[in-house]
Every structure is written in structure tokens, then in C-alpha cells.
Amino acid sequence: MAPKLGLLAMVEAKPGKEQEVWDFLNGGREIVDNEPGTRTWYAFRVSENTFGIFDTFDTEADRQAHLNGAIPAALAEHGPAMLAKDPDIRPIEIIAVK
């Protein structure tokens, strides 16, 4: 069964902090490996200073567990030093999956 819920988070690196954001996101996979309710987790780059995270979940409880987990906590702790503004985090419903 395909996941029905997700999160889309977009972040913008401060000038000169692009590699720090890249490294932070690259290290995030190890964190979400310990979250059984996170079905998929993608970190990606859109432009030189814009990055994103997309993850999927089967239930709202799984999504909330992730939102209360280590990645958002780490973003709250390290974000002010490397991000130009607060992350734009949006809950989404997945319509179709291939």
C-alpha cells in the first residue's frame, strides 16, 4: 500500500553556508533510519542555496512522530546559524504514486 501522507520542507542556506546545509541534510538519513514510521525520506537541492526534504508516512501518528523527532529538533538547533530564514514545512496529502 502506498503512503498517503507526507511533508515537504524547503530551506534556504545563508550565503557561504550551502555546504553546511548539504552536509546536514546528507547526515539526516542516518537519523530517519531510526524512525520506523518514516516510509521514505528524500533530501534534495533545488538551486545553489535552496534545498528541500520530502518524506512520506502511512499515518498521521507517524507524521507527528517525525515532526516531534530528531530532524526538526536538529533544524531548530542548527538552523539559525546556517539558514537564511525559517524552514517552510508543509504537510501534504499524496494523491498518486508510481
PDB file of N, CA and C in Angstrom:
ATOM      1  N   MET A   1       0.839  -1.177   0.000  1.00  0.00           N
ATOM      2  CA  MET A   1       0.000   0.000   0.000  1.00  0.00           C
ATOM      3  C   MET A   1       0.888   1.245   0.000  1.00  0.00           C
ATOM      4  N   ALA A   2       0.566   2.178  -0.848  1.00  0.00           N
ATOM      5  CA  ALA A   2       1.340   3.416  -0.967  1.00  0.00           C
ATOM      6  C   ALA A   2       1.043   4.351   0.200  1.00  0.00           C
ATOM      7  N   PRO A   3       2.050   5.109   0.634  1.00  0.00           N
ATOM      8  CA  PRO A   3       1.814   6.084   1.701  1.00  0.00           C
ATOM      9  C   PRO A   3       0.847   7.168   1.224  1.00  0.00           C
ATOM     10  N   LYS A   4       0.096   7.714   2.140  1.00  0.00           N
ATOM     11  CA  LYS A   4      -0.915   8.724   1.817  1.00  0.00           C
ATOM     12  C   LYS A   4      -0.587  10.118   2.342  1.00  0.00           C
ATOM     13  N   LEU A   5       0.400  10.210   3.221  1.00  0.00           N
ATOM     14  CA  LEU A   5       0.735  11.486   3.850  1.00  0.00           C
ATOM     15  C   LEU A   5       2.200  11.810   3.649  1.00  0.00           C
ATOM     16  N   GLY A   6       2.516  13.088   3.669  1.00  0.00           N
ATOM     17  CA  GLY A   6       3.905  13.490   3.515  1.00  0.00           C
ATOM     18  C   GLY A   6       4.175  14.827   4.159  1.00  0.00           C
ATOM     19  N   LEU A   7       5.427  15.204   4.077  1.00  0.00           N
ATOM     20  CA  LEU A   7       5.880  16.529   4.482  1.00  0.00           C
ATOM     21  C   LEU A   7       6.813  17.041   3.400  1.00  0.00           C
ATOM     22  N   LEU A   8       6.684  18.304   3.076  1.00  0.00           N
ATOM     23  CA  LEU A   8       7.597  18.965   2.168  1.00  0.00           C
ATOM     24  C   LEU A   8       8.191  20.139   2.925  1.00  0.00           C
ATOM     25  N   ALA A   9       9.501  20.130   3.067  1.00  0.00           N
ATOM     26  CA  ALA A   9      10.199  21.207   3.773  1.00  0.00           C
ATOM     27  C   ALA A   9      11.211  21.840   2.829  1.00  0.00           C
ATOM     28  N   MET A  10      11.158  23.138   2.711  1.00  0.00           N
ATOM     29  CA  MET A  10      12.105  23.875   1.892  1.00  0.00           C
ATOM     30  C   MET A  10      12.939  24.777   2.804  1.00  0.00           C
ATOM     31  N   VAL A  11      14.258  24.790   2.548  1.00  0.00           N
ATOM     32  CA  VAL A  11      15.163  25.609   3.352  1.00  0.00           C
ATOM     33  C   VAL A  11      16.089  26.384   2.426  1.00  0.00           C
ATOM     34  N   GLU A  12      16.469  27.560   2.870  1.00  0.00           N
ATOM     35  CA  GLU A  12      17.375  28.411   2.104  1.00  0.00           C
ATOM     36  C   GLU A  12      18.636  28.652   2.938  1.00  0.00           C
ATOM     37  N   ALA A  13      19.784  28.283   2.371  1.00  0.00           N
ATOM     38  CA  ALA A  13      21.053  28.464   3.062  1.00  0.00           C
ATOM     39  C   ALA A  13      21.466  29.935   3.061  1.00  0.00           C
ATOM     40  N   LYS A  14      22.092  30.348   4.151  1.00  0.00           N
ATOM     41  CA  LYS A  14      22.717  31.663   4.178  1.00  0.00           C
ATOM     42  C   LYS A  14      23.875  31.654   3.177  1.00  0.00           C
ATOM     43  N   PRO A  15      24.229  32.808   2.631  1.00  0.00           N
ATOM     44  CA  PRO A  15      25.388  32.856   1.742  1.00  0.00           C
ATOM     45  C   PRO A  15      26.630  32.271   2.424  1.00  0.00           C
ATOM     46  N   GLY A  16      27.308  31.393   1.727  1.00  0.00           N
ATOM     47  CA  GLY A  16      28.502  30.751   2.271  1.00  0.00           C
ATOM     48  C   GLY A  16      28.223  29.532   3.130  1.00  0.00           C
ATOM     49  N   LYS A  17      26.952  29.222   3.393  1.00  0.00           N
ATOM     50  CA  LYS A  17      26.589  28.086   4.252  1.00  0.00           C
ATOM     51  C   LYS A  17      26.001  26.920   3.455  1.00  0.00           C
ATOM     52  N   GLU A  18      26.086  26.989   2.126  1.00  0.00           N
ATOM     53  CA  GLU A  18      25.481  25.953   1.288  1.00  0.00           C
ATOM     54  C   GLU A  18      26.042  24.568   1.580  1.00  0.00           C
ATOM     55  N   GLN A  19      27.350  24.460   1.750  1.00  0.00           N
ATOM     56  CA  GLN A  19      27.942  23.145   2.025  1.00  0.00           C
ATOM     57  C   GLN A  19      27.515  22.620   3.388  1.00  0.00           C
ATOM     58  N   GLU A  20      27.368  23.509   4.370  1.00  0.00           N
ATOM     59  CA  GLU A  20      26.896  23.088   5.697  1.00  0.00           C
ATOM     60  C   GLU A  20      25.489  22.505   5.615  1.00  0.00           C
ATOM     61  N   VAL A  21      24.619  23.159   4.841  1.00  0.00           N
ATOM     62  CA  VAL A  21      23.256  22.646   4.681  1.00  0.00           C
ATOM     63  C   VAL A  21      23.300  21.301   3.961  1.00  0.00           C
ATOM     64  N   TRP A  22      24.092  21.209   2.902  1.00  0.00           N
ATOM     65  CA  TRP A  22      24.258  19.938   2.180  1.00  0.00           C
ATOM     66  C   TRP A  22      24.678  18.837   3.152  1.00  0.00           C
ATOM     67  N   ASP A  23      25.704  19.096   3.947  1.00  0.00           N
ATOM     68  CA  ASP A  23      26.223  18.095   4.889  1.00  0.00           C
ATOM     69  C   ASP A  23      25.187  17.733   5.946  1.00  0.00           C
ATOM     70  N   PHE A  24      24.470  18.730   6.434  1.00  0.00           N
ATOM     71  CA  PHE A  24      23.417  18.486   7.423  1.00  0.00           C
ATOM     72  C   PHE A  24      22.359  17.549   6.848  1.00  0.00           C
ATOM     73  N   LEU A  25      21.892  17.865   5.651  1.00  0.00           N
ATOM     74  CA  LEU A  25      20.863  17.025   5.032  1.00  0.00           C
ATOM     75  C   LEU A  25      21.400  15.636   4.699  1.00  0.00           C
ATOM     76  N   ASN A  26      22.608  15.564   4.237  1.00  0.00           N
ATOM     77  CA  ASN A  26      23.207  14.271   3.924  1.00  0.00           C
ATOM     78  C   ASN A  26      23.280  13.391   5.173  1.00  0.00           C
ATOM     79  N   GLY A  27      23.570  13.978   6.316  1.00  0.00           N
ATOM     80  CA  GLY A  27      23.627  13.232   7.570  1.00  0.00           C
ATOM     81  C   GLY A  27      22.256  12.878   8.123  1.00  0.00           C
ATOM     82  N   GLY A  28      21.205  13.512   7.608  1.00  0.00           N
ATOM     83  CA  GLY A  28      19.859  13.257   8.108  1.00  0.00           C
ATOM     84  C   GLY A  28      19.364  11.846   7.859  1.00  0.00           C
ATOM     85  N   ARG A  29      19.869  11.196   6.819  1.00  0.00           N
ATOM     86  CA  ARG A  29      19.413   9.835   6.510  1.00  0.00           C
ATOM     87  C   ARG A  29      19.656   8.892   7.682  1.00  0.00           C
ATOM     88  N   GLU A  30      20.791   9.024   8.317  1.00  0.00           N
ATOM     89  CA  GLU A  30      21.098   8.166   9.468  1.00  0.00           C
ATOM     90  C   GLU A  30      20.078   8.361  10.588  1.00  0.00           C
ATOM     91  N   ILE A  31      19.618   9.579  10.747  1.00  0.00           N
ATOM     92  CA  ILE A  31      18.630   9.868  11.800  1.00  0.00           C
ATOM     93  C   ILE A  31      17.295   9.205  11.471  1.00  0.00           C
ATOM     94  N   VAL A  32      16.809   9.386  10.248  1.00  0.00           N
ATOM     95  CA  VAL A  32      15.494   8.842   9.912  1.00  0.00           C
ATOM     96  C   VAL A  32      15.501   7.328   9.740  1.00  0.00           C
ATOM     97  N   ASP A  33      16.685   6.745   9.597  1.00  0.00           N
ATOM     98  CA  ASP A  33      16.759   5.276   9.592  1.00  0.00           C
ATOM     99  C   ASP A  33      16.207   4.695  10.893  1.00  0.00           C
ATOM    100  N   ASN A  34      16.223   5.485  11.954  1.00  0.00           N
ATOM    101  CA  ASN A  34      15.727   5.040  13.258  1.00  0.00           C
ATOM    102  C   ASN A  34      14.269   5.410  13.494  1.00  0.00           C
ATOM    103  N   GLU A  35      13.584   5.874  12.459  1.00  0.00           N
ATOM    104  CA  GLU A  35      12.167   6.231  12.561  1.00  0.00           C
ATOM    105  C   GLU A  35      11.354   5.220  11.747  1.00  0.00           C
ATOM    106  N   PRO A  36      10.826   4.198  12.386  1.00  0.00           N
ATOM    107  CA  PRO A  36      10.106   3.165  11.625  1.00  0.00           C
ATOM    108  C   PRO A  36       8.881   3.692  10.886  1.00  0.00           C
ATOM    109  N   GLY A  37       8.295   4.779  11.324  1.00  0.00           N
ATOM    110  CA  GLY A  37       7.103   5.310  10.675  1.00  0.00           C
ATOM    111  C   GLY A  37       7.384   6.190   9.472  1.00  0.00           C
ATOM    112  N   THR A  38       8.641   6.551   9.255  1.00  0.00           N
ATOM    113  CA  THR A  38       9.005   7.342   8.083  1.00  0.00           C
ATOM    114  C   THR A  38       9.264   6.366   6.945  1.00  0.00           C
ATOM    115  N   ARG A  39       8.327   6.310   5.993  1.00  0.00           N
ATOM    116  CA  ARG A  39       8.425   5.344   4.890  1.00  0.00           C
ATOM    117  C   ARG A  39       9.535   5.691   3.921  1.00  0.00           C
ATOM    118  N   THR A  40       9.533   6.935   3.428  1.00  0.00           N
ATOM    119  CA  THR A  40      10.596   7.395   2.536  1.00  0.00           C
ATOM    120  C   THR A  40      11.055   8.760   3.004  1.00  0.00           C
ATOM    121  N   TRP A  41      12.289   9.071   2.696  1.00  0.00           N
ATOM    122  CA  TRP A  41      12.869  10.354   3.086  1.00  0.00           C
ATOM    123  C   TRP A  41      13.851  10.757   1.998  1.00  0.00           C
ATOM    124  N   TYR A  42      13.631  11.935   1.431  1.00  0.00           N
ATOM    125  CA  TYR A  42      14.494  12.455   0.378  1.00  0.00           C
ATOM    126  C   TYR A  42      15.015  13.822   0.788  1.00  0.00           C
ATOM    127  N   ALA A  43      16.294  14.042   0.605  1.00  0.00           N
ATOM    128  CA  ALA A  43      16.876  15.373   0.734  1.00  0.00           C
ATOM    129  C   ALA A  43      17.354  15.754  -0.660  1.00  0.00           C
ATOM    130  N   PHE A  44      17.099  16.996  -1.066  1.00  0.00           N
ATOM    131  CA  PHE A  44      17.436  17.389  -2.430  1.00  0.00           C
ATOM    132  C   PHE A  44      17.848  18.855  -2.485  1.00  0.00           C
ATOM    133  N   ARG A  45      18.478  19.203  -3.607  1.00  0.00           N
ATOM    134  CA  ARG A  45      18.903  20.582  -3.854  1.00  0.00           C
ATOM    135  C   ARG A  45      18.126  21.109  -5.053  1.00  0.00           C
ATOM    136  N   VAL A  46      17.578  22.304  -4.923  1.00  0.00           N
ATOM    137  CA  VAL A  46      16.814  22.932  -5.991  1.00  0.00           C
ATOM    138  C   VAL A  46      17.682  23.938  -6.750  1.00  0.00           C
ATOM    139  N   SER A  47      18.467  24.696  -6.021  1.00  0.00           N
ATOM    140  CA  SER A  47      19.361  25.697  -6.604  1.00  0.00           C
ATOM    141  C   SER A  47      20.583  25.798  -5.703  1.00  0.00           C
ATOM    142  N   GLU A  48      21.457  26.714  -6.009  1.00  0.00           N
ATOM    143  CA  GLU A  48      22.696  26.844  -5.238  1.00  0.00           C
ATOM    144  C   GLU A  48      22.444  26.957  -3.730  1.00  0.00           C
ATOM    145  N   ASN A  49      21.391  27.699  -3.352  1.00  0.00           N
ATOM    146  CA  ASN A  49      21.162  27.918  -1.920  1.00  0.00           C
ATOM    147  C   ASN A  49      19.811  27.399  -1.424  1.00  0.00           C
ATOM    148  N   THR A  50      19.041  26.737  -2.270  1.00  0.00           N
ATOM    149  CA  THR A  50      17.727  26.229  -1.870  1.00  0.00           C
ATOM    150  C   THR A  50      17.746  24.705  -1.858  1.00  0.00           C
ATOM    151  N   PHE A  51      17.315  24.151  -0.721  1.00  0.00           N
ATOM    152  CA  PHE A  51      17.303  22.714  -0.504  1.00  0.00           C
ATOM    153  C   PHE A  51      15.924  22.292  -0.019  1.00  0.00           C
ATOM    154  N   GLY A  52      15.669  21.006  -0.053  1.00  0.00           N
ATOM    155  CA  GLY A  52      14.391  20.522   0.423  1.00  0.00           C
ATOM    156  C   GLY A  52      14.476  19.130   1.007  1.00  0.00           C
ATOM    157  N   ILE A  53      13.432  18.793   1.720  1.00  0.00           N
ATOM    158  CA  ILE A  53      13.237  17.449   2.276  1.00  0.00           C
ATOM    159  C   ILE A  53      11.817  17.044   1.934  1.00  0.00           C
ATOM    160  N   PHE A  54      11.655  15.825   1.467  1.00  0.00           N
ATOM    161  CA  PHE A  54      10.337  15.260   1.211  1.00  0.00           C
ATOM    162  C   PHE A  54      10.300  13.893   1.862  1.00  0.00           C
ATOM    163  N   ASP A  55       9.318  13.670   2.707  1.00  0.00           N
ATOM    164  CA  ASP A  55       9.188  12.367   3.350  1.00  0.00           C
ATOM    165  C   ASP A  55       7.741  11.919   3.342  1.00  0.00           C
ATOM    166  N   THR A  56       7.546  10.599   3.487  1.00  0.00           N
ATOM    167  CA  THR A  56       6.197  10.035   3.421  1.00  0.00           C
ATOM    168  C   THR A  56       5.908   9.157   4.628  1.00  0.00           C
ATOM    169  N   PHE A  57       4.591   9.036   4.908  1.00  0.00           N
ATOM    170  CA  PHE A  57       4.133   8.331   6.098  1.00  0.00           C
ATOM    171  C   PHE A  57       2.811   7.628   5.801  1.00  0.00           C
ATOM    172  N   ASP A  58       2.541   6.556   6.532  1.00  0.00           N
ATOM    173  CA  ASP A  58       1.279   5.841   6.384  1.00  0.00           C
ATOM    174  C   ASP A  58       0.165   6.459   7.220  1.00  0.00           C
ATOM    175  N   THR A  59       0.515   6.998   8.377  1.00  0.00           N
ATOM    176  CA  THR A  59      -0.497   7.507   9.297  1.00  0.00           C
ATOM    177  C   THR A  59      -0.125   8.899   9.800  1.00  0.00           C
ATOM    178  N   GLU A  60      -1.120   9.597  10.293  1.00  0.00           N
ATOM    179  CA  GLU A  60      -0.872  10.904  10.896  1.00  0.00           C
ATOM    180  C   GLU A  60       0.000  10.764  12.147  1.00  0.00           C
ATOM    181  N   ALA A  61      -0.159   9.683  12.880  1.00  0.00           N
ATOM    182  CA  ALA A  61       0.676   9.455  14.064  1.00  0.00           C
ATOM    183  C   ALA A  61       2.150   9.335  13.667  1.00  0.00           C
ATOM    184  N   ASP A  62       2.426   8.648  12.554  1.00  0.00           N
ATOM    185  CA  ASP A  62       3.804   8.525  12.073  1.00  0.00           C
ATOM    186  C   ASP A  62       4.360   9.897  11.674  1.00  0.00           C
ATOM    187  N   ARG A  63       3.544  10.687  11.004  1.00  0.00           N
ATOM    188  CA  ARG A  63       3.987  12.023  10.584  1.00  0.00           C
ATOM    189  C   ARG A  63       4.268  12.888  11.807  1.00  0.00           C
ATOM    190  N   GLN A  64       3.390  12.836  12.797  1.00  0.00           N
ATOM    191  CA  GLN A  64       3.588  13.634  14.007  1.00  0.00           C
ATOM    192  C   GLN A  64       4.829  13.167  14.779  1.00  0.00           C
ATOM    193  N   ALA A  65       5.071  11.863  14.801  1.00  0.00           N
ATOM    194  CA  ALA A  65       6.276  11.354  15.465  1.00  0.00           C
ATOM    195  C   ALA A  65       7.521  11.922  14.803  1.00  0.00           C
ATOM    196  N   HIS A  66       7.506  11.991  13.476  1.00  0.00           N
ATOM    197  CA  HIS A  66       8.647  12.571  12.768  1.00  0.00           C
ATOM    198  C   HIS A  66       8.783  14.058  13.088  1.00  0.00           C
ATOM    199  N   LEU A  67       7.673  14.792  13.073  1.00  0.00           N
ATOM    200  CA  LEU A  67       7.712  16.223  13.374  1.00  0.00           C
ATOM    201  C   LEU A  67       8.207  16.507  14.787  1.00  0.00           C
ATOM    202  N   ASN A  68       8.024  15.547  15.682  1.00  0.00           N
ATOM    203  CA  ASN A  68       8.495  15.696  17.056  1.00  0.00           C
ATOM    204  C   ASN A  68       9.840  15.007  17.275  1.00  0.00           C
ATOM    205  N   GLY A  69      10.487  14.577  16.182  1.00  0.00           N
ATOM    206  CA  GLY A  69      11.707  13.792  16.267  1.00  0.00           C
ATOM    207  C   GLY A  69      12.986  14.602  16.118  1.00  0.00           C
ATOM    208  N   ALA A  70      14.042  13.873  15.768  1.00  0.00           N
ATOM    209  CA  ALA A  70      15.394  14.420  15.775  1.00  0.00           C
ATOM    210  C   ALA A  70      15.684  15.407  14.647  1.00  0.00           C
ATOM    211  N   ILE A  71      15.147  15.191  13.453  1.00  0.00           N
ATOM    212  CA  ILE A  71      15.447  16.104  12.338  1.00  0.00           C
ATOM    213  C   ILE A  71      14.910  17.510  12.621  1.00  0.00           C
ATOM    214  N   PRO A  72      13.626  17.659  12.969  1.00  0.00           N
ATOM    215  CA  PRO A  72      13.147  19.012  13.289  1.00  0.00           C
ATOM    216  C   PRO A  72      13.875  19.624  14.488  1.00  0.00           C
ATOM    217  N   ALA A  73      14.229  18.805  15.468  1.00  0.00           N
ATOM    218  CA  ALA A  73      14.968  19.328  16.622  1.00  0.00           C
ATOM    219  C   ALA A  73      16.343  19.828  16.197  1.00  0.00           C
ATOM    220  N   ALA A  74      17.001  19.077  15.317  1.00  0.00           N
ATOM    221  CA  ALA A  74      18.316  19.499  14.826  1.00  0.00           C
ATOM    222  C   ALA A  74      18.206  20.760  13.972  1.00  0.00           C
ATOM    223  N   LEU A  75      17.150  20.856  13.165  1.00  0.00           N
ATOM    224  CA  LEU A  75      16.931  22.081  12.382  1.00  0.00           C
ATOM    225  C   LEU A  75      16.722  23.284  13.295  1.00  0.00           C
ATOM    226  N   ALA A  76      15.957  23.083  14.363  1.00  0.00           N
ATOM    227  CA  ALA A  76      15.723  24.182  15.304  1.00  0.00           C
ATOM    228  C   ALA A  76      17.032  24.609  15.976  1.00  0.00           C
ATOM    229  N   GLU A  77      17.900  23.643  16.265  1.00  0.00           N
ATOM    230  CA  GLU A  77      19.161  23.946  16.941  1.00  0.00           C
ATOM    231  C   GLU A  77      20.177  24.585  15.998  1.00  0.00           C
ATOM    232  N   HIS A  78      20.353  24.013  14.815  1.00  0.00           N
ATOM    233  CA  HIS A  78      21.416  24.449  13.906  1.00  0.00           C
ATOM    234  C   HIS A  78      20.943  25.413  12.816  1.00  0.00           C
ATOM    235  N   GLY A  79      19.650  25.452  12.597  1.00  0.00           N
ATOM    236  CA  GLY A  79      19.107  26.280  11.526  1.00  0.00           C
ATOM    237  C   GLY A  79      19.487  27.744  11.579  1.00  0.00           C
ATOM    238  N   PRO A  80      19.392  28.397  12.737  1.00  0.00           N
ATOM    239  CA  PRO A  80      19.704  29.829  12.769  1.00  0.00           C
ATOM    240  C   PRO A  80      21.115  30.166  12.283  1.00  0.00           C
ATOM    241  N   ALA A  81      22.056  29.264  12.462  1.00  0.00           N
ATOM    242  CA  ALA A  81      23.436  29.524  12.032  1.00  0.00           C
ATOM    243  C   ALA A  81      23.633  29.313  10.538  1.00  0.00           C
ATOM    244  N   MET A  82      22.803  28.481   9.899  1.00  0.00           N
ATOM    245  CA  MET A  82      23.061  28.153   8.500  1.00  0.00           C
ATOM    246  C   MET A  82      21.928  28.501   7.546  1.00  0.00           C
ATOM    247  N   LEU A  83      20.746  28.838   8.054  1.00  0.00           N
ATOM    248  CA  LEU A  83      19.608  29.121   7.184  1.00  0.00           C
ATOM    249  C   LEU A  83      19.296  30.611   7.134  1.00  0.00           C
ATOM    250  N   ALA A  84      18.928  31.076   5.931  1.00  0.00           N
ATOM    251  CA  ALA A  84      18.597  32.490   5.736  1.00  0.00           C
ATOM    252  C   ALA A  84      17.268  32.861   6.377  1.00  0.00           C
ATOM    253  N   LYS A  85      16.377  31.878   6.518  1.00  0.00           N
ATOM    254  CA  LYS A  85      15.071  32.110   7.133  1.00  0.00           C
ATOM    255  C   LYS A  85      14.556  30.787   7.679  1.00  0.00           C
ATOM    256  N   ASP A  86      13.463  30.837   8.410  1.00  0.00           N
ATOM    257  CA  ASP A  86      12.883  29.618   8.968  1.00  0.00           C
ATOM    258  C   ASP A  86      12.490  28.659   7.840  1.00  0.00           C
ATOM    259  N   PRO A  87      12.600  27.360   8.089  1.00  0.00           N
ATOM    260  CA  PRO A  87      12.167  26.397   7.078  1.00  0.00           C
ATOM    261  C   PRO A  87      10.676  26.549   6.776  1.00  0.00           C
ATOM    262  N   ASP A  88      10.308  26.312   5.537  1.00  0.00           N
ATOM    263  CA  ASP A  88       8.907  26.287   5.117  1.00  0.00           C
ATOM    264  C   ASP A  88       8.487  24.820   5.100  1.00  0.00           C
ATOM    265  N   ILE A  89       7.756  24.393   6.120  1.00  0.00           N
ATOM    266  CA  ILE A  89       7.375  22.990   6.274  1.00  0.00           C
ATOM    267  C   ILE A  89       5.874  22.870   6.060  1.00  0.00           C
ATOM    268  N   ARG A  90       5.506  22.026   5.094  1.00  0.00           N
ATOM    269  CA  ARG A  90       4.095  21.875   4.744  1.00  0.00           C
ATOM    270  C   ARG A  90       3.677  20.405   4.785  1.00  0.00           C
ATOM    271  N   PRO A  91       2.610  20.090   5.526  1.00  0.00           N
ATOM    272  CA  PRO A  91       2.045  18.744   5.440  1.00  0.00           C
ATOM    273  C   PRO A  91       1.319  18.605   4.106  1.00  0.00           C
ATOM    274  N   ILE A  92       1.434  17.444   3.498  1.00  0.00           N
ATOM    275  CA  ILE A  92       0.775  17.215   2.211  1.00  0.00           C
ATOM    276  C   ILE A  92       0.031  15.900   2.231  1.00  0.00           C
ATOM    277  N   GLU A  93      -0.950  15.771   1.342  1.00  0.00           N
ATOM    278  CA  GLU A  93      -1.629  14.513   1.063  1.00  0.00           C
ATOM    279  C   GLU A  93      -1.111  14.001  -0.264  1.00  0.00           C
ATOM    280  N   ILE A  94      -0.786  12.735  -0.333  1.00  0.00           N
ATOM    281  CA  ILE A  94      -0.294  12.136  -1.566  1.00  0.00           C
ATOM    282  C   ILE A  94      -1.491  11.613  -2.358  1.00  0.00           C
ATOM    283  N   ILE A  95      -1.603  12.053  -3.588  1.00  0.00           N
ATOM    284  CA  ILE A  95      -2.733  11.683  -4.433  1.00  0.00           C
ATOM    285  C   ILE A  95      -2.462  10.396  -5.211  1.00  0.00           C
ATOM    286  N   ALA A  96      -1.263  10.298  -5.795  1.00  0.00           N
ATOM    287  CA  ALA A  96      -0.942   9.135  -6.612  1.00  0.00           C
ATOM    288  C   ALA A  96       0.536   8.816  -6.494  1.00  0.00           C
ATOM    289  N   VAL A  97       0.883   7.545  -6.617  1.00  0.00           N
ATOM    290  CA  VAL A  97       2.263   7.065  -6.523  1.00  0.00           C
ATOM    291  C   VAL A  97       2.486   6.037  -7.619  1.00  0.00           C
ATOM    292  N   LYS A  98       3.647   6.084  -8.194  1.00  0.00           N
ATOM    293  CA  LYS A  98       4.027   5.040  -9.160  1.00  0.00           C
ATOM    294  C   LYS A  98       5.164   4.254  -8.571  1.00  0.00           C
TER     295      LYS A  98
END
